[in-house]
Protein backbone atom coordinates (compact mmCIF):
# COMPACT_ATOMS: atom_id res chain seq x y z
CA MET A 1 217.55 77.15 -190.75
CA ALA A 2 218.98 79.97 -192.80
CA SER A 3 217.54 78.22 -195.85
CA THR A 4 213.79 78.01 -194.22
CA ARG A 5 213.95 81.96 -192.54
CA SER A 6 214.40 82.78 -195.99
CA SER A 7 211.46 80.25 -197.68
CA LEU A 8 208.87 82.41 -194.59
CA ALA A 9 209.90 85.69 -195.39
CA GLU A 10 209.70 85.14 -199.14
CA VAL A 11 205.91 84.18 -198.01
CA ASP A 12 205.82 86.95 -195.78
CA ARG A 13 206.99 89.61 -199.34
CA ARG A 14 204.60 87.66 -201.86
CA ARG A 15 201.46 87.80 -199.29
CA GLN A 16 201.98 91.84 -198.94
CA GLY A 17 201.85 92.01 -202.50
CA VAL A 18 199.45 89.59 -202.95
CA LEU A 19 197.19 92.10 -200.59
CA ALA A 20 198.05 94.75 -201.67
CA HIS A 21 197.60 94.04 -205.29
CA VAL A 22 193.21 93.38 -203.74
CA VAL A 23 193.76 96.78 -202.21
CA GLU A 24 194.53 98.05 -204.99
CA HIS A 25 192.59 96.81 -207.93
CA GLY A 26 189.62 94.81 -205.99
CA GLU A 27 188.23 92.09 -206.74
CA VAL A 28 190.72 89.64 -208.50
CA ARG A 29 189.84 85.97 -209.96
CA ILE A 30 192.17 83.12 -207.72
CA ASP A 31 193.89 82.38 -210.76
CA GLU A 32 194.57 85.65 -211.71
CA LEU A 33 196.52 86.72 -209.04
CA ALA A 34 198.60 83.04 -208.99
CA ARG A 35 199.68 83.70 -212.62
CA HIS A 36 200.29 86.53 -211.48
CA PHE A 37 202.83 86.35 -208.39
CA GLY A 38 203.95 83.36 -210.43
CA VAL A 39 203.06 80.42 -208.19
CA SER A 40 200.16 77.29 -208.76
CA LEU A 41 196.50 77.68 -207.51
CA ALA A 42 197.15 75.57 -204.59
CA THR A 43 199.62 78.17 -202.61
CA MET A 44 197.48 81.33 -203.85
CA HIS A 45 195.07 78.97 -202.01
CA ARG A 46 197.17 79.20 -198.43
CA ASP A 47 197.80 82.91 -198.66
CA LEU A 48 194.24 83.80 -199.26
CA ASP A 49 193.14 81.66 -196.82
CA GLN A 50 195.78 83.32 -194.65
CA LEU A 51 195.06 87.26 -195.13
CA ALA A 52 191.12 85.77 -195.43
CA GLU A 53 191.75 84.60 -191.38
CA ARG A 54 193.58 87.70 -190.50
CA ARG A 55 190.11 89.65 -191.73
CA LEU A 56 192.33 90.99 -194.10
CA LEU A 57 190.47 90.29 -197.61
CA ARG A 58 187.97 88.01 -198.68
CA LYS A 59 187.91 85.06 -200.30
CA GLU A 60 184.64 83.90 -202.17
CA ARG A 61 183.95 80.67 -204.56
CA GLY A 62 187.04 81.48 -207.36
CA ARG A 63 188.06 84.84 -206.20
CA ALA A 64 189.69 87.36 -204.04
CA ALA A 65 187.96 91.08 -202.75
CA PRO A 66 188.61 93.69 -200.31
CA PHE A 67 186.09 94.71 -197.47
CA PRO A 68 183.27 96.95 -199.00
CA SER A 69 185.13 99.75 -197.13
CA LEU A 70 188.28 100.04 -195.37
CA THR A 71 186.58 98.95 -192.18
CA MET A 72 189.97 97.50 -190.53
CA GLU A 73 193.65 98.31 -189.69
CA THR A 74 196.58 95.61 -191.17
CA ALA A 75 198.37 94.24 -189.36
CA THR A 76 201.68 96.30 -188.57
CA ARG A 77 204.25 93.31 -190.28
CA PHE A 78 201.56 93.67 -193.38
CA ARG A 79 202.02 97.45 -193.58
CA VAL A 80 206.11 97.19 -193.31
CA GLY A 81 206.49 96.49 -196.67
CA VAL A 82 203.84 97.93 -198.75
CA ASN A 83 204.47 100.84 -200.87
CA HIS A 84 207.83 101.82 -198.95
CA PRO A 85 209.45 103.39 -201.83
CA VAL A 86 206.71 105.70 -202.01
CA LYS A 87 206.69 106.06 -198.19
CA GLU A 88 210.90 106.33 -198.32
CA ALA A 89 209.91 109.40 -200.43
CA LEU A 90 207.77 111.38 -198.70
CA CYS A 91 209.72 111.03 -195.36
CA ALA A 92 213.08 112.42 -197.14
CA VAL A 93 210.55 116.03 -198.01
CA VAL A 94 210.23 116.54 -194.63
CA ALA A 95 212.87 115.42 -192.59
CA ASP A 96 214.36 119.24 -192.94
CA GLU A 97 211.35 119.70 -190.66
CA ILE A 98 213.72 117.80 -188.31
CA ARG A 99 215.36 120.22 -185.63
CA PRO A 100 218.55 119.61 -183.67
CA GLY A 101 217.03 119.36 -179.56
CA SER A 102 213.43 119.51 -180.92
CA THR A 103 210.46 116.87 -179.08
CA ILE A 104 209.00 114.68 -181.87
CA VAL A 105 205.91 112.83 -181.59
CA LEU A 106 205.82 109.89 -184.40
CA ASP A 107 202.20 107.71 -184.04
CA ASP A 108 202.40 103.77 -184.56
CA SER A 109 202.13 104.30 -189.12
CA THR A 110 204.42 102.63 -190.81
CA THR A 111 204.79 105.36 -192.97
CA VAL A 112 206.87 107.15 -191.22
CA PHE A 113 209.54 104.11 -190.30
CA PRO A 114 211.56 106.10 -192.68
CA LEU A 115 211.54 108.68 -191.18
CA ALA A 116 212.60 107.63 -188.11
CA ALA A 117 215.30 105.57 -188.64
CA ARG A 118 216.58 108.59 -190.74
CA ILE A 119 216.05 110.58 -187.86
CA ALA A 120 217.98 107.97 -185.28
CA ARG A 121 221.05 107.86 -188.20
CA THR A 122 221.09 111.89 -188.00
CA GLU A 123 219.69 113.95 -185.29
CA ALA A 124 219.96 114.60 -181.40
CA VAL A 125 216.33 114.85 -180.67
CA THR A 126 213.00 113.55 -178.04
CA VAL A 127 210.49 111.34 -179.07
CA VAL A 128 208.01 110.75 -177.63
CA THR A 129 205.53 107.47 -179.33
CA ASN A 130 203.16 105.14 -178.75
CA SER A 131 204.76 102.63 -181.35
CA LEU A 132 206.95 99.61 -180.15
CA GLY A 133 208.56 99.42 -183.97
CA VAL A 134 209.68 103.05 -184.11
CA ALA A 135 211.00 103.10 -180.36
CA ARG A 136 213.20 100.82 -181.64
CA LEU A 137 214.76 102.26 -184.52
CA PHE A 138 216.31 104.53 -181.64
CA ASP A 139 217.91 101.25 -180.15
CA GLU A 140 221.96 101.92 -180.41
CA THR A 141 220.86 106.48 -181.23
CA PRO A 142 222.42 107.43 -177.20
CA GLY A 143 221.66 111.16 -178.85
CA THR A 144 217.81 110.38 -178.41
CA ASP A 145 215.66 110.41 -175.69
CA VAL A 146 212.96 107.76 -176.19
CA THR A 147 209.88 108.79 -175.05
CA LEU A 148 207.59 105.23 -175.19
CA LEU A 149 203.51 106.26 -174.07
CA GLY A 150 202.38 102.76 -172.12
CA GLY A 151 198.84 101.63 -172.37
CA ARG A 152 197.30 98.54 -173.74
CA TYR A 153 198.94 96.67 -175.80
CA ARG A 154 197.82 95.50 -179.13
CA GLY A 155 200.02 93.62 -180.46
CA GLU A 156 199.25 93.09 -184.57
CA PHE A 157 200.34 96.02 -183.86
CA GLY A 158 203.02 96.56 -182.37
CA SER A 159 201.75 99.65 -180.75
CA CYS A 160 200.29 100.96 -177.55
CA VAL A 161 195.60 102.23 -177.38
CA GLY A 162 193.72 103.96 -174.19
CA PRO A 163 193.88 106.49 -171.58
CA ASP A 164 197.58 105.95 -170.24
CA VAL A 165 198.40 106.03 -173.80
CA LEU A 166 196.31 109.43 -173.61
CA ARG A 167 196.88 111.00 -170.37
CA GLY A 168 200.46 110.40 -171.76
CA LEU A 169 200.53 112.90 -174.80
CA GLY A 170 198.37 115.59 -172.46
CA ARG A 171 201.58 116.80 -170.60
CA ILE A 172 203.29 116.48 -173.45
CA ARG A 173 204.28 119.82 -175.42
CA ALA A 174 206.43 118.52 -178.65
CA ASP A 175 207.04 120.45 -181.51
CA LEU A 176 206.41 118.93 -184.16
CA ALA A 177 203.78 115.97 -184.86
CA VAL A 178 203.81 113.40 -187.80
CA MET A 179 201.37 110.94 -188.55
CA SER A 180 200.00 109.24 -191.38
CA ALA A 181 196.32 108.24 -192.08
CA VAL A 182 194.61 104.86 -192.50
CA SER A 183 191.64 106.67 -195.18
CA VAL A 184 190.68 109.70 -196.66
CA LEU A 185 188.04 110.27 -198.96
CA GLY A 186 187.43 114.72 -199.74
CA GLY A 187 189.85 116.07 -197.11
CA ARG A 188 188.06 113.85 -194.06
CA LEU A 189 190.41 111.30 -191.86
CA PHE A 190 188.99 107.97 -191.09
CA HIS A 191 190.38 105.36 -188.93
CA PRO A 192 188.61 101.67 -188.05
CA ILE A 193 189.82 101.66 -184.70
CA ARG A 194 188.96 104.42 -182.10
CA GLU A 195 191.35 104.41 -179.92
CA TYR A 196 193.58 105.03 -182.94
CA ALA A 197 191.18 107.90 -184.41
CA GLU A 198 191.54 109.47 -180.65
CA ILE A 199 195.13 108.98 -179.93
CA LYS A 200 196.06 111.20 -182.98
CA GLU A 201 193.68 114.07 -182.40
CA ALA A 202 195.78 113.80 -178.98
CA MET A 203 199.25 113.88 -180.62
CA LEU A 204 197.70 116.94 -183.47
CA GLU A 205 196.17 119.10 -180.07
CA CYS A 206 200.29 118.05 -178.11
CA ALA A 207 201.72 119.12 -180.68
CA GLN A 208 203.21 122.86 -181.63
CA ARG A 209 203.08 122.01 -185.99
CA SER A 210 201.72 118.94 -187.37
CA LEU A 211 202.57 116.70 -191.04
CA LEU A 212 200.47 114.47 -192.53
CA LEU A 213 202.00 111.96 -194.65
CA VAL A 214 199.49 109.60 -196.75
CA ASP A 215 200.20 108.02 -200.18
CA HIS A 216 197.70 108.06 -203.31
CA SER A 217 196.42 104.00 -201.93
CA LYS A 218 194.65 105.79 -198.48
CA PHE A 219 192.27 108.21 -200.41
CA GLY A 220 188.80 107.85 -201.35
CA LYS A 221 187.91 105.23 -199.52
CA THR A 222 186.32 105.61 -195.82
CA ALA A 223 186.49 104.14 -192.58
CA THR A 224 184.12 103.81 -189.51
CA HIS A 225 185.57 106.73 -186.83
CA ALA A 226 185.96 110.03 -188.53
CA TYR A 227 188.13 112.12 -186.77
CA GLY A 228 188.53 115.23 -188.09
CA ASP A 229 189.88 116.99 -191.75
CA ILE A 230 193.35 118.02 -193.39
CA GLY A 231 193.23 121.38 -191.95
CA ALA A 232 193.57 120.69 -188.62
CA TYR A 233 197.20 119.70 -190.18
CA ASP A 234 200.26 122.32 -191.37
CA ARG A 235 201.11 120.28 -193.77
CA VAL A 236 199.96 117.97 -196.33
CA VAL A 237 202.48 115.05 -198.43
CA THR A 238 201.32 112.75 -200.88
CA ASP A 239 202.56 111.34 -204.08
CA ARG A 240 201.49 111.59 -207.61
CA GLY A 241 199.55 108.84 -208.07
CA THR A 242 196.66 110.42 -205.74
CA PRO A 243 192.94 110.93 -207.17
CA ALA A 244 192.69 113.80 -209.33
CA GLU A 245 189.08 114.85 -206.83
CA GLU A 246 191.16 114.23 -204.04
CA LEU A 247 194.09 116.69 -204.57
CA THR A 248 191.92 119.01 -204.84
CA ALA A 249 189.86 118.52 -201.79
CA LEU A 250 193.82 119.35 -200.09
CA HIS A 251 194.15 122.50 -202.43
CA GLY A 252 190.88 123.63 -200.79
CA GLY A 253 191.90 122.59 -197.09
CA GLY A 254 193.79 126.14 -196.14
CA VAL A 255 197.18 123.36 -195.73
CA THR A 256 200.21 122.93 -197.26
CA VAL A 257 200.35 120.78 -199.65
CA ASP A 258 202.89 118.67 -201.05
CA VAL A 259 203.11 116.33 -203.66
CA VAL A 260 205.41 114.02 -204.96
CA ASP A 261 206.79 111.91 -207.19
CA VAL A 262 208.23 108.62 -207.29
């Protein structure tokens, strides 16, 4: 049984890598993907069929391609391993913002998972989130009070959405909100799913201070629903891979910008 689990984990990691490679490089030939990941052409076809069934990319004759604009949000189990070292570095930069006894709002972005794990190890705080994955990181942290915002559960993202989440946030007064974004273009923020865009707006409104952690792969893209710009945040943290024109837009947005070397 242990070897089966290991094999499934390897397949999952490889598919995460395939998805990240296609998103970053655009249209890629399937035979090139097979060579890059060291697998047979048949195995790569199976990987791409599975990713295409989940509408995470497009599989066409002899090639794989991302959607022309970011119109979907990748399922959490695929997002969590993508650019993980960068996410760790972004979270490390803002760790000093966490104060014992404070109330912290965290969204369901996998970018904030390393920060939640760090808080769970070191701080006695109140955490408010709509993410089951974030909440579970505090299972063995008795000094932390966790409020899980309930609503309509979306299993592919491991989080809740809907009016119940928005009402819950309307009753919260937090010291700090920490979020990420699916896509950023010219300082504008976008999300493919309206309900999640509304939740991010509500999280901003309920917090005295707000931080946006967003790695280079999110820039230069749009999605269906625009929900404000980076000027709504107190601090934006990104990495050196972010395009120069996008960094210029950040610096022009009237917000503190930290650019991290990874």
